[in-house]
Amino acid sequence: MSANAKALNIQDLPTPKQETWKYTNLGRNLPEGLVSADINQKILIHKNSGQVCEQIEEILFTGCAGIHANPSLKIVLEEGASLTLIERHDGQGAYWKNMITEIEVGANARLRHIRLQEESPEAVQTNMVHIRLARDAVYDGFSLNIGGRLTRHEIHAQIQGANAECSLNGLSLLREKQHGDTTILIEHEAPHCRSNQFYRTILDDAARGVFQGKVHVHKIAQKTDGYQLSNALLLSADAEMDTKPELEIYADDVKCSHGATTGQLDEEPLFYLRTRGLDEGAARLLLMNAFVDEVVDKIEDESVRAQIQERAEQWLLRALQK
């Protein structure tokens, strides 16, 4: 791993006094009595120049009760390479999966990266991700955040080559007292590049969601196109969403925008569907599925998209059955 990619140190945990951690108190949520893992899982995926991988590749990181693990993932795509990767997370019991991920996408290479986070309900997961994109590179990421007691997915993306593109999309489905934090910094360090952030969150019971998204456009990065949107749907009066969109722009020829919404289901379309013969449960399910599908549709592969839609609908049905 490079010096830019650093895991959290259990001896020096971040606190809410730090601006980027003000919504997430990691120290108070770690399970007690954790034992450091004897062996930490380390995965390296390296694709050579021009290598096009037509088959989807999958990897799995599993947490174990009572263990503080420091797994790592490094993905390197050389010039012109292409890969679709599914990264799965699960586990049993209370543990801390303190992960570090480093991704390098070479010139004219393309990485489609789907991350399915379904940790144990008692688990804590932190994943510090560092992405670097060369000229004409494309990183297309999607994250499903559905598990864990407390999770933080922190992404630092550096767009270093001209005409590169970074897309970060995600769906968080949180219930009970789950806490899900997505924190993103995209740095535009070259001209004629594009970035997209599109995240949707559904919160039930006393769950808490966090979205912090920042686009930093350096002076050299003229003709930047940066887009950012966070939408949250609250199913309970006790649920909470904290959103902090941010733009920091030093170039003078850019097109950047951000937006955020938080609220309950719109009563007007709900009433319309009821007048067309749907009962309240079916009408709510239809509207929530539409809310989910807009972000899930960003996934190009049909089989993966269908898998995530099915998992999301199971979650929604359970929410409606209470």
C-alpha atoms as a PDB file:
ATOM      1  CA  MET A   1       0.000   0.000   0.000  1.00  0.00           C
ATOM      2  CA  SER A   2       1.138   3.529  -0.716  1.00  0.00           C
ATOM      3  CA  ALA A   3       1.695   6.222   1.863  1.00  0.00           C
ATOM      4  CA  ASN A   4      -1.603   7.836   0.810  1.00  0.00           C
ATOM      5  CA  ALA A   5      -3.634   4.784   1.828  1.00  0.00           C
ATOM      6  CA  LYS A   6      -3.743   4.497   5.620  1.00  0.00           C
ATOM      7  CA  ALA A   7      -5.900   2.405   7.896  1.00  0.00           C
ATOM      8  CA  LEU A   8      -7.254   3.760  11.174  1.00  0.00           C
ATOM      9  CA  ASN A   9      -5.084   3.263  14.243  1.00  0.00           C
ATOM     10  CA  ILE A  10      -6.868   1.757  17.251  1.00  0.00           C
ATOM     11  CA  GLN A  11      -4.470   3.670  19.508  1.00  0.00           C
ATOM     12  CA  ASP A  12      -5.411   7.027  17.970  1.00  0.00           C
ATOM     13  CA  LEU A  13      -9.037   6.910  16.898  1.00  0.00           C
ATOM     14  CA  PRO A  14     -10.677   9.946  15.251  1.00  0.00           C
ATOM     15  CA  THR A  15     -13.266  11.764  17.338  1.00  0.00           C
ATOM     16  CA  PRO A  16     -16.226  14.063  16.551  1.00  0.00           C
ATOM     17  CA  LYS A  17     -13.915  17.000  17.290  1.00  0.00           C
ATOM     18  CA  GLN A  18     -12.493  16.429  13.805  1.00  0.00           C
ATOM     19  CA  GLU A  19     -14.707  18.056  11.182  1.00  0.00           C
ATOM     20  CA  THR A  20     -15.017  15.021   8.902  1.00  0.00           C
ATOM     21  CA  TRP A  21     -15.911  12.803  11.890  1.00  0.00           C
ATOM     22  CA  LYS A  22     -18.332  15.143  13.648  1.00  0.00           C
ATOM     23  CA  TYR A  23     -21.335  12.902  12.923  1.00  0.00           C
ATOM     24  CA  THR A  24     -19.658   9.571  13.727  1.00  0.00           C
ATOM     25  CA  ASN A  25     -18.182   8.612  17.092  1.00  0.00           C
ATOM     26  CA  LEU A  26     -16.162   5.516  16.324  1.00  0.00           C
ATOM     27  CA  GLY A  27     -14.575   5.034  19.752  1.00  0.00           C
ATOM     28  CA  ARG A  28     -17.909   4.794  21.543  1.00  0.00           C
ATOM     29  CA  ASN A  29     -19.194   2.127  19.195  1.00  0.00           C
ATOM     30  CA  LEU A  30     -16.338  -0.372  19.019  1.00  0.00           C
ATOM     31  CA  PRO A  31     -17.127  -3.759  20.583  1.00  0.00           C
ATOM     32  CA  GLU A  32     -15.376  -4.451  23.882  1.00  0.00           C
ATOM     33  CA  GLY A  33     -12.641  -7.024  24.346  1.00  0.00           C
ATOM     34  CA  LEU A  34     -11.486  -7.163  20.738  1.00  0.00           C
ATOM     35  CA  VAL A  35      -8.502  -9.349  19.915  1.00  0.00           C
ATOM     36  CA  SER A  36      -6.233  -8.493  16.982  1.00  0.00           C
ATOM     37  CA  ALA A  37      -6.384 -10.959  14.124  1.00  0.00           C
ATOM     38  CA  ASP A  38      -3.413 -13.313  13.810  1.00  0.00           C
ATOM     39  CA  ILE A  39      -3.549 -13.099  10.025  1.00  0.00           C
ATOM     40  CA  ASN A  40      -5.144 -10.280   8.055  1.00  0.00           C
ATOM     41  CA  GLN A  41      -6.715 -10.950   4.688  1.00  0.00           C
ATOM     42  CA  LYS A  42      -4.853  -9.182   1.877  1.00  0.00           C
ATOM     43  CA  ILE A  43      -6.088  -9.287  -1.704  1.00  0.00           C
ATOM     44  CA  LEU A  44      -4.233  -7.963  -4.745  1.00  0.00           C
ATOM     45  CA  ILE A  45      -5.937  -7.734  -8.123  1.00  0.00           C
ATOM     46  CA  HIS A  46      -3.622  -6.716 -10.953  1.00  0.00           C
ATOM     47  CA  LYS A  47      -4.638  -6.585 -14.611  1.00  0.00           C
ATOM     48  CA  ASN A  48      -1.969  -6.139 -17.244  1.00  0.00           C
ATOM     49  CA  SER A  49      -1.968  -3.583 -20.036  1.00  0.00           C
ATOM     50  CA  GLY A  50      -4.801  -4.208 -22.491  1.00  0.00           C
ATOM     51  CA  GLN A  51      -6.284  -7.089 -20.472  1.00  0.00           C
ATOM     52  CA  VAL A  52     -10.084  -7.120 -20.863  1.00  0.00           C
ATOM     53  CA  CYS A  53     -11.875  -9.313 -18.304  1.00  0.00           C
ATOM     54  CA  GLU A  54     -15.262 -10.304 -19.702  1.00  0.00           C
ATOM     55  CA  GLN A  55     -16.318 -12.350 -16.660  1.00  0.00           C
ATOM     56  CA  ILE A  56     -17.308 -10.651 -13.404  1.00  0.00           C
ATOM     57  CA  GLU A  57     -14.850 -11.367 -10.600  1.00  0.00           C
ATOM     58  CA  GLU A  58     -15.953 -11.657  -6.950  1.00  0.00           C
ATOM     59  CA  ILE A  59     -14.128 -11.381  -3.645  1.00  0.00           C
ATOM     60  CA  LEU A  60     -15.378 -11.836  -0.057  1.00  0.00           C
ATOM     61  CA  PHE A  61     -14.259 -10.302   3.247  1.00  0.00           C
ATOM     62  CA  THR A  62     -15.749 -12.047   6.313  1.00  0.00           C
ATOM     63  CA  GLY A  63     -15.633 -10.752   9.884  1.00  0.00           C
ATOM     64  CA  CYS A  64     -15.279 -13.010  12.934  1.00  0.00           C
ATOM     65  CA  ALA A  65     -16.773 -12.441  16.397  1.00  0.00           C
ATOM     66  CA  GLY A  66     -14.455 -10.694  18.837  1.00  0.00           C
ATOM     67  CA  ILE A  67     -11.782  -9.933  16.252  1.00  0.00           C
ATOM     68  CA  HIS A  68     -10.203  -6.635  15.208  1.00  0.00           C
ATOM     69  CA  ALA A  69      -9.092  -7.322  11.644  1.00  0.00           C
ATOM     70  CA  ASN A  70      -7.169  -5.114   9.212  1.00  0.00           C
ATOM     71  CA  PRO A  71      -7.926  -6.547   5.771  1.00  0.00           C
ATOM     72  CA  SER A  72      -6.647  -4.802   2.658  1.00  0.00           C
ATOM     73  CA  LEU A  73      -7.534  -4.693  -0.999  1.00  0.00           C
ATOM     74  CA  LYS A  74      -5.372  -3.328  -3.804  1.00  0.00           C
ATOM     75  CA  ILE A  75      -6.623  -3.092  -7.369  1.00  0.00           C
ATOM     76  CA  VAL A  76      -4.304  -2.102 -10.208  1.00  0.00           C
ATOM     77  CA  LEU A  77      -5.492  -1.785 -13.803  1.00  0.00           C
ATOM     78  CA  GLU A  78      -2.753  -0.987 -16.256  1.00  0.00           C
ATOM     79  CA  GLU A  79      -3.309   0.983 -19.476  1.00  0.00           C
ATOM     80  CA  GLY A  80      -6.348  -0.154 -21.462  1.00  0.00           C
ATOM     81  CA  ALA A  81      -7.408  -2.873 -18.998  1.00  0.00           C
ATOM     82  CA  SER A  82     -11.040  -3.493 -18.053  1.00  0.00           C
ATOM     83  CA  LEU A  83     -12.653  -5.272 -15.084  1.00  0.00           C
ATOM     84  CA  THR A  84     -15.991  -5.667 -13.294  1.00  0.00           C
ATOM     85  CA  LEU A  85     -15.510  -6.576  -9.630  1.00  0.00           C
ATOM     86  CA  ILE A  86     -18.037  -7.462  -6.911  1.00  0.00           C
ATOM     87  CA  GLU A  87     -16.686  -6.934  -3.396  1.00  0.00           C
ATOM     88  CA  ARG A  88     -18.794  -8.671  -0.725  1.00  0.00           C
ATOM     89  CA  HIS A  89     -18.731  -8.154   3.045  1.00  0.00           C
ATOM     90  CA  ASP A  90     -20.346 -10.319   5.727  1.00  0.00           C
ATOM     91  CA  GLY A  91     -19.604 -11.770   9.146  1.00  0.00           C
ATOM     92  CA  GLN A  92     -20.952 -13.098  12.437  1.00  0.00           C
ATOM     93  CA  GLY A  93     -21.048 -11.522  15.873  1.00  0.00           C
ATOM     94  CA  ALA A  94     -19.432  -8.324  17.142  1.00  0.00           C
ATOM     95  CA  TYR A  95     -16.154  -7.391  15.436  1.00  0.00           C
ATOM     96  CA  TRP A  96     -14.301  -4.476  13.858  1.00  0.00           C
ATOM     97  CA  LYS A  97     -13.311  -4.790  10.235  1.00  0.00           C
ATOM     98  CA  ASN A  98     -10.842  -1.929   9.811  1.00  0.00           C
ATOM     99  CA  MET A  99     -10.160  -2.034   6.099  1.00  0.00           C
ATOM    100  CA  ILE A 100      -7.983  -0.185   3.651  1.00  0.00           C
ATOM    101  CA  THR A 101      -8.509  -0.138  -0.113  1.00  0.00           C
ATOM    102  CA  GLU A 102      -6.200   1.262  -2.794  1.00  0.00           C
ATOM    103  CA  ILE A 103      -7.293   1.518  -6.427  1.00  0.00           C
ATOM    104  CA  GLU A 104      -5.174   2.589  -9.399  1.00  0.00           C
ATOM    105  CA  VAL A 105      -6.870   2.896 -12.782  1.00  0.00           C
ATOM    106  CA  GLY A 106      -4.368   3.402 -15.576  1.00  0.00           C
ATOM    107  CA  ALA A 107      -4.680   5.375 -18.792  1.00  0.00           C
ATOM    108  CA  ASN A 108      -7.775   4.428 -20.805  1.00  0.00           C
ATOM    109  CA  ALA A 109      -8.605   1.644 -18.324  1.00  0.00           C
ATOM    110  CA  ARG A 110     -12.066   1.000 -16.880  1.00  0.00           C
ATOM    111  CA  LEU A 111     -13.114  -0.433 -13.512  1.00  0.00           C
ATOM    112  CA  ARG A 112     -16.703  -1.238 -12.573  1.00  0.00           C
ATOM    113  CA  HIS A 113     -16.680  -1.813  -8.814  1.00  0.00           C
ATOM    114  CA  ILE A 114     -19.767  -3.030  -6.919  1.00  0.00           C
ATOM    115  CA  ARG A 115     -19.468  -3.202  -3.144  1.00  0.00           C
ATOM    116  CA  LEU A 116     -22.121  -5.150  -1.187  1.00  0.00           C
ATOM    117  CA  GLN A 117     -21.789  -4.456   2.538  1.00  0.00           C
ATOM    118  CA  GLU A 118     -23.930  -6.842   4.624  1.00  0.00           C
ATOM    119  CA  GLU A 119     -21.983  -7.061   7.864  1.00  0.00           C
ATOM    120  CA  SER A 120     -23.316  -8.610  11.067  1.00  0.00           C
ATOM    121  CA  PRO A 121     -25.830  -6.409  12.977  1.00  0.00           C
ATOM    122  CA  GLU A 122     -23.316  -6.092  15.847  1.00  0.00           C
ATOM    123  CA  ALA A 123     -20.300  -5.284  13.688  1.00  0.00           C
ATOM    124  CA  VAL A 124     -18.329  -2.112  13.054  1.00  0.00           C
ATOM    125  CA  GLN A 125     -16.758  -1.570   9.661  1.00  0.00           C
ATOM    126  CA  THR A 126     -14.466   1.241   8.554  1.00  0.00           C
ATOM    127  CA  ASN A 127     -13.154   1.258   4.998  1.00  0.00           C
ATOM    128  CA  MET A 128     -10.636   3.893   3.964  1.00  0.00           C
ATOM    129  CA  VAL A 129     -10.510   3.972   0.153  1.00  0.00           C
ATOM    130  CA  HIS A 130      -7.978   5.792  -2.020  1.00  0.00           C
ATOM    131  CA  ILE A 131      -8.555   5.987  -5.790  1.00  0.00           C
ATOM    132  CA  ARG A 132      -6.217   7.384  -8.453  1.00  0.00           C
ATOM    133  CA  LEU A 133      -7.263   7.858 -12.071  1.00  0.00           C
ATOM    134  CA  ALA A 134      -4.903   8.435 -15.006  1.00  0.00           C
ATOM    135  CA  ARG A 135      -5.848  10.103 -18.324  1.00  0.00           C
ATOM    136  CA  ASP A 136      -9.024   8.785 -20.006  1.00  0.00           C
ATOM    137  CA  ALA A 137      -9.580   6.353 -17.114  1.00  0.00           C
ATOM    138  CA  VAL A 138     -13.072   5.482 -15.860  1.00  0.00           C
ATOM    139  CA  TYR A 139     -14.007   4.368 -12.356  1.00  0.00           C
ATOM    140  CA  ASP A 140     -17.672   3.382 -11.969  1.00  0.00           C
ATOM    141  CA  GLY A 141     -18.485   2.513  -8.363  1.00  0.00           C
ATOM    142  CA  PHE A 142     -21.655   1.396  -6.593  1.00  0.00           C
ATOM    143  CA  SER A 143     -22.054   0.608  -2.897  1.00  0.00           C
ATOM    144  CA  LEU A 144     -24.952  -1.120  -1.124  1.00  0.00           C
ATOM    145  CA  ASN A 145     -24.797  -0.396   2.611  1.00  0.00           C
ATOM    146  CA  ILE A 146     -27.244  -2.606   4.478  1.00  0.00           C
ATOM    147  CA  GLY A 147     -25.401  -4.194   7.428  1.00  0.00           C
ATOM    148  CA  GLY A 148     -23.369  -3.345  10.499  1.00  0.00           C
ATOM    149  CA  ARG A 149     -24.095  -1.467  13.691  1.00  0.00           C
ATOM    150  CA  LEU A 150     -21.758   1.333  12.633  1.00  0.00           C
ATOM    151  CA  THR A 151     -20.115   1.669   9.241  1.00  0.00           C
ATOM    152  CA  ARG A 152     -18.023   4.337   7.577  1.00  0.00           C
ATOM    153  CA  HIS A 153     -17.129   4.197   3.898  1.00  0.00           C
ATOM    154  CA  GLU A 154     -14.601   6.961   3.284  1.00  0.00           C
ATOM    155  CA  ILE A 155     -13.423   7.608  -0.274  1.00  0.00           C
ATOM    156  CA  HIS A 156     -10.604   9.885  -1.403  1.00  0.00           C
ATOM    157  CA  ALA A 157     -10.461   9.998  -5.199  1.00  0.00           C
ATOM    158  CA  GLN A 158      -7.740  11.823  -7.136  1.00  0.00           C
ATOM    159  CA  ILE A 159      -8.484  12.478 -10.794  1.00  0.00           C
ATOM    160  CA  GLN A 160      -4.938  12.982 -12.018  1.00  0.00           C
ATOM    161  CA  GLY A 161      -5.201  12.582 -15.800  1.00  0.00           C
ATOM    162  CA  ALA A 162      -7.120  14.619 -18.384  1.00  0.00           C
ATOM    163  CA  ASN A 163     -10.505  13.389 -19.618  1.00  0.00           C
ATOM    164  CA  ALA A 164     -10.948  10.891 -16.782  1.00  0.00           C
ATOM    165  CA  GLU A 165     -14.277  10.120 -15.099  1.00  0.00           C
ATOM    166  CA  CYS A 166     -15.171   9.070 -11.559  1.00  0.00           C
ATOM    167  CA  SER A 167     -18.736   7.965 -10.734  1.00  0.00           C
ATOM    168  CA  LEU A 168     -19.690   7.085  -7.165  1.00  0.00           C
ATOM    169  CA  ASN A 169     -23.222   5.836  -6.554  1.00  0.00           C
ATOM    170  CA  GLY A 170     -24.729   4.184  -3.511  1.00  0.00           C
ATOM    171  CA  LEU A 171     -27.763   2.982  -1.608  1.00  0.00           C
ATOM    172  CA  SER A 172     -28.011   2.758   2.195  1.00  0.00           C
ATOM    173  CA  LEU A 173     -30.879   0.877   3.875  1.00  0.00           C
ATOM    174  CA  LEU A 174     -30.672   1.303   7.653  1.00  0.00           C
ATOM    175  CA  ARG A 175     -32.988   0.273  10.514  1.00  0.00           C
ATOM    176  CA  GLU A 176     -33.122   0.004  14.300  1.00  0.00           C
ATOM    177  CA  LYS A 177     -30.037   1.841  15.663  1.00  0.00           C
ATOM    178  CA  GLN A 178     -27.752   1.375  12.679  1.00  0.00           C
ATOM    179  CA  HIS A 179     -25.370   4.191  11.790  1.00  0.00           C
ATOM    180  CA  GLY A 180     -24.129   4.462   8.200  1.00  0.00           C
ATOM    181  CA  ASP A 181     -21.573   7.114   7.202  1.00  0.00           C
ATOM    182  CA  THR A 182     -20.466   7.811   3.631  1.00  0.00           C
ATOM    183  CA  THR A 183     -17.745  10.463   3.366  1.00  0.00           C
ATOM    184  CA  ILE A 184     -16.257  11.410  -0.017  1.00  0.00           C
ATOM    185  CA  LEU A 185     -13.554  13.742  -1.266  1.00  0.00           C
ATOM    186  CA  ILE A 186     -13.047  13.954  -5.033  1.00  0.00           C
ATOM    187  CA  GLU A 187     -10.055  15.993  -6.144  1.00  0.00           C
ATOM    188  CA  HIS A 188     -10.012  17.237  -9.728  1.00  0.00           C
ATOM    189  CA  GLU A 189      -6.317  17.652 -10.498  1.00  0.00           C
ATOM    190  CA  ALA A 190      -6.499  17.685 -14.312  1.00  0.00           C
ATOM    191  CA  PRO A 191      -8.612  19.458 -16.961  1.00  0.00           C
ATOM    192  CA  HIS A 192     -11.591  18.092 -18.921  1.00  0.00           C
ATOM    193  CA  CYS A 193     -12.662  15.570 -16.282  1.00  0.00           C
ATOM    194  CA  ARG A 194     -16.024  14.500 -14.858  1.00  0.00           C
ATOM    195  CA  SER A 195     -17.219  13.304 -11.476  1.00  0.00           C
ATOM    196  CA  ASN A 196     -20.627  12.147 -10.280  1.00  0.00           C
ATOM    197  CA  GLN A 197     -21.898  11.379  -6.788  1.00  0.00           C
ATOM    198  CA  PHE A 198     -25.440  10.021  -6.427  1.00  0.00           C
ATOM    199  CA  TYR A 199     -26.479   8.490  -3.097  1.00  0.00           C
ATOM    200  CA  ARG A 200     -29.852   7.517  -1.714  1.00  0.00           C
ATOM    201  CA  THR A 201     -30.658   6.526   1.865  1.00  0.00           C
ATOM    202  CA  ILE A 202     -33.752   5.020   3.500  1.00  0.00           C
ATOM    203  CA  LEU A 203     -33.885   5.182   7.290  1.00  0.00           C
ATOM    204  CA  ASP A 204     -36.281   3.358   9.606  1.00  0.00           C
ATOM    205  CA  ASP A 205     -36.675   3.177  13.402  1.00  0.00           C
ATOM    206  CA  ALA A 206     -33.857   5.145  15.120  1.00  0.00           C
ATOM    207  CA  ALA A 207     -31.270   4.703  12.369  1.00  0.00           C
ATOM    208  CA  ARG A 208     -28.868   7.501  11.450  1.00  0.00           C
ATOM    209  CA  GLY A 209     -27.395   8.209   8.048  1.00  0.00           C
ATOM    210  CA  VAL A 210     -24.491  10.475   7.164  1.00  0.00           C
ATOM    211  CA  PHE A 211     -23.469  11.751   3.742  1.00  0.00           C
ATOM    212  CA  GLN A 212     -20.516  14.121   3.403  1.00  0.00           C
ATOM    213  CA  GLY A 213     -19.527  14.777  -0.185  1.00  0.00           C
ATOM    214  CA  LYS A 214     -16.879  17.242  -1.282  1.00  0.00           C
ATOM    215  CA  VAL A 215     -15.627  18.190  -4.744  1.00  0.00           C
ATOM    216  CA  HIS A 216     -12.275  19.987  -4.778  1.00  0.00           C
ATOM    217  CA  VAL A 217     -11.403  21.547  -8.140  1.00  0.00           C
ATOM    218  CA  HIS A 218      -7.751  22.551  -8.396  1.00  0.00           C
ATOM    219  CA  LYS A 219      -6.738  25.624 -10.405  1.00  0.00           C
ATOM    220  CA  ILE A 220      -5.370  23.516 -13.262  1.00  0.00           C
ATOM    221  CA  ALA A 221      -8.625  21.571 -13.636  1.00  0.00           C
ATOM    222  CA  GLN A 222     -10.407  23.773 -16.167  1.00  0.00           C
ATOM    223  CA  LYS A 223     -13.505  22.380 -17.934  1.00  0.00           C
ATOM    224  CA  THR A 224     -14.366  20.251 -14.899  1.00  0.00           C
ATOM    225  CA  ASP A 225     -17.895  18.816 -14.715  1.00  0.00           C
ATOM    226  CA  GLY A 226     -18.788  17.822 -11.159  1.00  0.00           C
ATOM    227  CA  TYR A 227     -22.210  16.651  -9.963  1.00  0.00           C
ATOM    228  CA  GLN A 228     -23.360  15.622  -6.504  1.00  0.00           C
ATOM    229  CA  LEU A 229     -26.767  14.601  -5.121  1.00  0.00           C
ATOM    230  CA  SER A 230     -27.920  13.015  -1.861  1.00  0.00           C
ATOM    231  CA  ASN A 231     -31.553  12.041  -1.229  1.00  0.00           C
ATOM    232  CA  ALA A 232     -32.823  10.552   2.035  1.00  0.00           C
ATOM    233  CA  LEU A 233     -36.208   9.047   2.878  1.00  0.00           C
ATOM    234  CA  LEU A 234     -37.293   8.864   6.524  1.00  0.00           C
ATOM    235  CA  LEU A 235     -39.759   6.121   7.483  1.00  0.00           C
ATOM    236  CA  SER A 236     -39.739   7.006  11.191  1.00  0.00           C
ATOM    237  CA  ALA A 237     -39.882  10.183  13.248  1.00  0.00           C
ATOM    238  CA  ASP A 238     -36.887   8.912  15.214  1.00  0.00           C
ATOM    239  CA  ALA A 239     -34.630   8.470  12.164  1.00  0.00           C
ATOM    240  CA  GLU A 240     -31.960  11.083  11.409  1.00  0.00           C
ATOM    241  CA  MET A 241     -30.009  12.114   8.321  1.00  0.00           C
ATOM    242  CA  ASP A 242     -26.975  14.410   8.385  1.00  0.00           C
ATOM    243  CA  THR A 243     -25.898  15.738   5.004  1.00  0.00           C
ATOM    244  CA  LYS A 244     -22.981  17.993   4.189  1.00  0.00           C
ATOM    245  CA  PRO A 245     -22.421  18.727   0.480  1.00  0.00           C
ATOM    246  CA  GLU A 246     -19.412  20.899  -0.311  1.00  0.00           C
ATOM    247  CA  LEU A 247     -17.690  22.474  -3.313  1.00  0.00           C
ATOM    248  CA  GLU A 248     -14.195  23.989  -3.230  1.00  0.00           C
ATOM    249  CA  ILE A 249     -13.379  25.480  -6.633  1.00  0.00           C
ATOM    250  CA  TYR A 250     -10.214  27.288  -7.732  1.00  0.00           C
ATOM    251  CA  ALA A 251     -10.675  27.001 -11.520  1.00  0.00           C
ATOM    252  CA  ASP A 252     -12.824  29.568 -13.335  1.00  0.00           C
ATOM    253  CA  ASP A 253     -14.250  27.486 -16.207  1.00  0.00           C
ATOM    254  CA  VAL A 254     -16.195  24.665 -14.560  1.00  0.00           C
ATOM    255  CA  LYS A 255     -19.695  23.232 -14.276  1.00  0.00           C
ATOM    256  CA  CYS A 256     -20.330  21.982 -10.751  1.00  0.00           C
ATOM    257  CA  SER A 257     -23.515  21.471  -8.754  1.00  0.00           C
ATOM    258  CA  HIS A 258     -24.721  19.791  -5.602  1.00  0.00           C
ATOM    259  CA  GLY A 259     -28.051  19.116  -3.960  1.00  0.00           C
ATOM    260  CA  ALA A 260     -29.590  17.314  -1.005  1.00  0.00           C
ATOM    261  CA  THR A 261     -33.098  16.403   0.142  1.00  0.00           C
ATOM    262  CA  THR A 262     -34.410  14.700   3.273  1.00  0.00           C
ATOM    263  CA  GLY A 263     -38.053  13.936   3.965  1.00  0.00           C
ATOM    264  CA  GLN A 264     -40.900  11.457   4.131  1.00  0.00           C
ATOM    265  CA  LEU A 265     -42.842   9.882   1.281  1.00  0.00           C
ATOM    266  CA  ASP A 266     -44.720  12.464  -0.756  1.00  0.00           C
ATOM    267  CA  GLU A 267     -48.386  12.256   0.190  1.00  0.00           C
ATOM    268  CA  GLU A 268     -49.635  13.484  -3.194  1.00  0.00           C
ATOM    269  CA  PRO A 269     -48.458  10.532  -5.337  1.00  0.00           C
ATOM    270  CA  LEU A 270     -49.366   8.225  -2.443  1.00  0.00           C
ATOM    271  CA  PHE A 271     -52.923   9.562  -2.507  1.00  0.00           C
ATOM    272  CA  TYR A 272     -53.025   9.246  -6.308  1.00  0.00           C
ATOM    273  CA  LEU A 273     -52.022   5.574  -6.172  1.00  0.00           C
ATOM    274  CA  ARG A 274     -54.627   4.894  -3.478  1.00  0.00           C
ATOM    275  CA  THR A 275     -57.331   6.389  -5.697  1.00  0.00           C
ATOM    276  CA  ARG A 276     -56.265   3.953  -8.436  1.00  0.00           C
ATOM    277  CA  GLY A 277     -57.065   0.966  -6.266  1.00  0.00           C
ATOM    278  CA  LEU A 278     -53.785   0.199  -4.495  1.00  0.00           C
ATOM    279  CA  ASP A 279     -53.880  -0.341  -0.747  1.00  0.00           C
ATOM    280  CA  GLU A 280     -51.569   1.788   1.385  1.00  0.00           C
ATOM    281  CA  GLY A 281     -48.873  -0.873   1.749  1.00  0.00           C
ATOM    282  CA  ALA A 282     -48.683  -1.563  -1.981  1.00  0.00           C
ATOM    283  CA  ALA A 283     -48.625   2.157  -2.779  1.00  0.00           C
ATOM    284  CA  ARG A 284     -45.801   2.800  -0.323  1.00  0.00           C
ATOM    285  CA  LEU A 285     -43.816  -0.145  -1.662  1.00  0.00           C
ATOM    286  CA  LEU A 286     -44.210   1.105  -5.228  1.00  0.00           C
ATOM    287  CA  LEU A 287     -42.950   4.581  -4.339  1.00  0.00           C
ATOM    288  CA  MET A 288     -40.025   3.279  -2.281  1.00  0.00           C
ATOM    289  CA  ASN A 289     -39.014   0.874  -5.044  1.00  0.00           C
ATOM    290  CA  ALA A 290     -39.004   3.794  -7.480  1.00  0.00           C
ATOM    291  CA  PHE A 291     -36.804   5.754  -5.057  1.00  0.00           C
ATOM    292  CA  VAL A 292     -34.353   2.833  -4.894  1.00  0.00           C
ATOM    293  CA  ASP A 293     -34.400   1.999  -8.599  1.00  0.00           C
ATOM    294  CA  GLU A 294     -33.189   5.430  -9.711  1.00  0.00           C
ATOM    295  CA  VAL A 295     -29.785   4.820  -8.144  1.00  0.00           C
ATOM    296  CA  VAL A 296     -29.642   1.039  -8.675  1.00  0.00           C
ATOM    297  CA  ASP A 297     -30.232   1.626 -12.398  1.00  0.00           C
ATOM    298  CA  LYS A 298     -26.711   3.110 -12.510  1.00  0.00           C
ATOM    299  CA  ILE A 299     -25.369  -0.475 -12.427  1.00  0.00           C
ATOM    300  CA  GLU A 300     -24.742  -1.616 -15.994  1.00  0.00           C
ATOM    301  CA  ASP A 301     -24.775  -5.390 -15.486  1.00  0.00           C
ATOM    302  CA  GLU A 302     -28.379  -6.644 -15.520  1.00  0.00           C
ATOM    303  CA  SER A 303     -27.802  -9.687 -13.299  1.00  0.00           C
ATOM    304  CA  VAL A 304     -26.061  -7.641 -10.598  1.00  0.00           C
ATOM    305  CA  ARG A 305     -28.705  -4.944 -10.828  1.00  0.00           C
ATOM    306  CA  ALA A 306     -31.499  -7.507 -10.397  1.00  0.00           C
ATOM    307  CA  GLN A 307     -29.712  -9.043  -7.408  1.00  0.00           C
ATOM    308  CA  ILE A 308     -29.485  -5.703  -5.615  1.00  0.00           C
ATOM    309  CA  GLN A 309     -33.078  -4.781  -6.470  1.00  0.00           C
ATOM    310  CA  GLU A 310     -34.262  -8.072  -4.972  1.00  0.00           C
ATOM    311  CA  ARG A 311     -32.227  -7.521  -1.802  1.00  0.00           C
ATOM    312  CA  ALA A 312     -33.582  -3.978  -1.477  1.00  0.00           C
ATOM    313  CA  GLU A 313     -37.186  -5.104  -1.941  1.00  0.00           C
ATOM    314  CA  GLN A 314     -36.774  -7.695   0.836  1.00  0.00           C
ATOM    315  CA  TRP A 315     -35.640  -4.886   3.143  1.00  0.00           C
ATOM    316  CA  LEU A 316     -38.554  -2.665   2.118  1.00  0.00           C
ATOM    317  CA  LEU A 317     -41.126  -5.430   2.613  1.00  0.00           C
ATOM    318  CA  ARG A 318     -39.828  -6.030   6.120  1.00  0.00           C
ATOM    319  CA  ALA A 319     -40.100  -2.316   6.875  1.00  0.00           C
ATOM    320  CA  LEU A 320     -43.718  -2.263   5.705  1.00  0.00           C
ATOM    321  CA  GLN A 321     -44.711  -5.329   7.719  1.00  0.00           C
ATOM    322  CA  LYS A 322     -44.069  -3.704  11.083  1.00  0.00           C
END
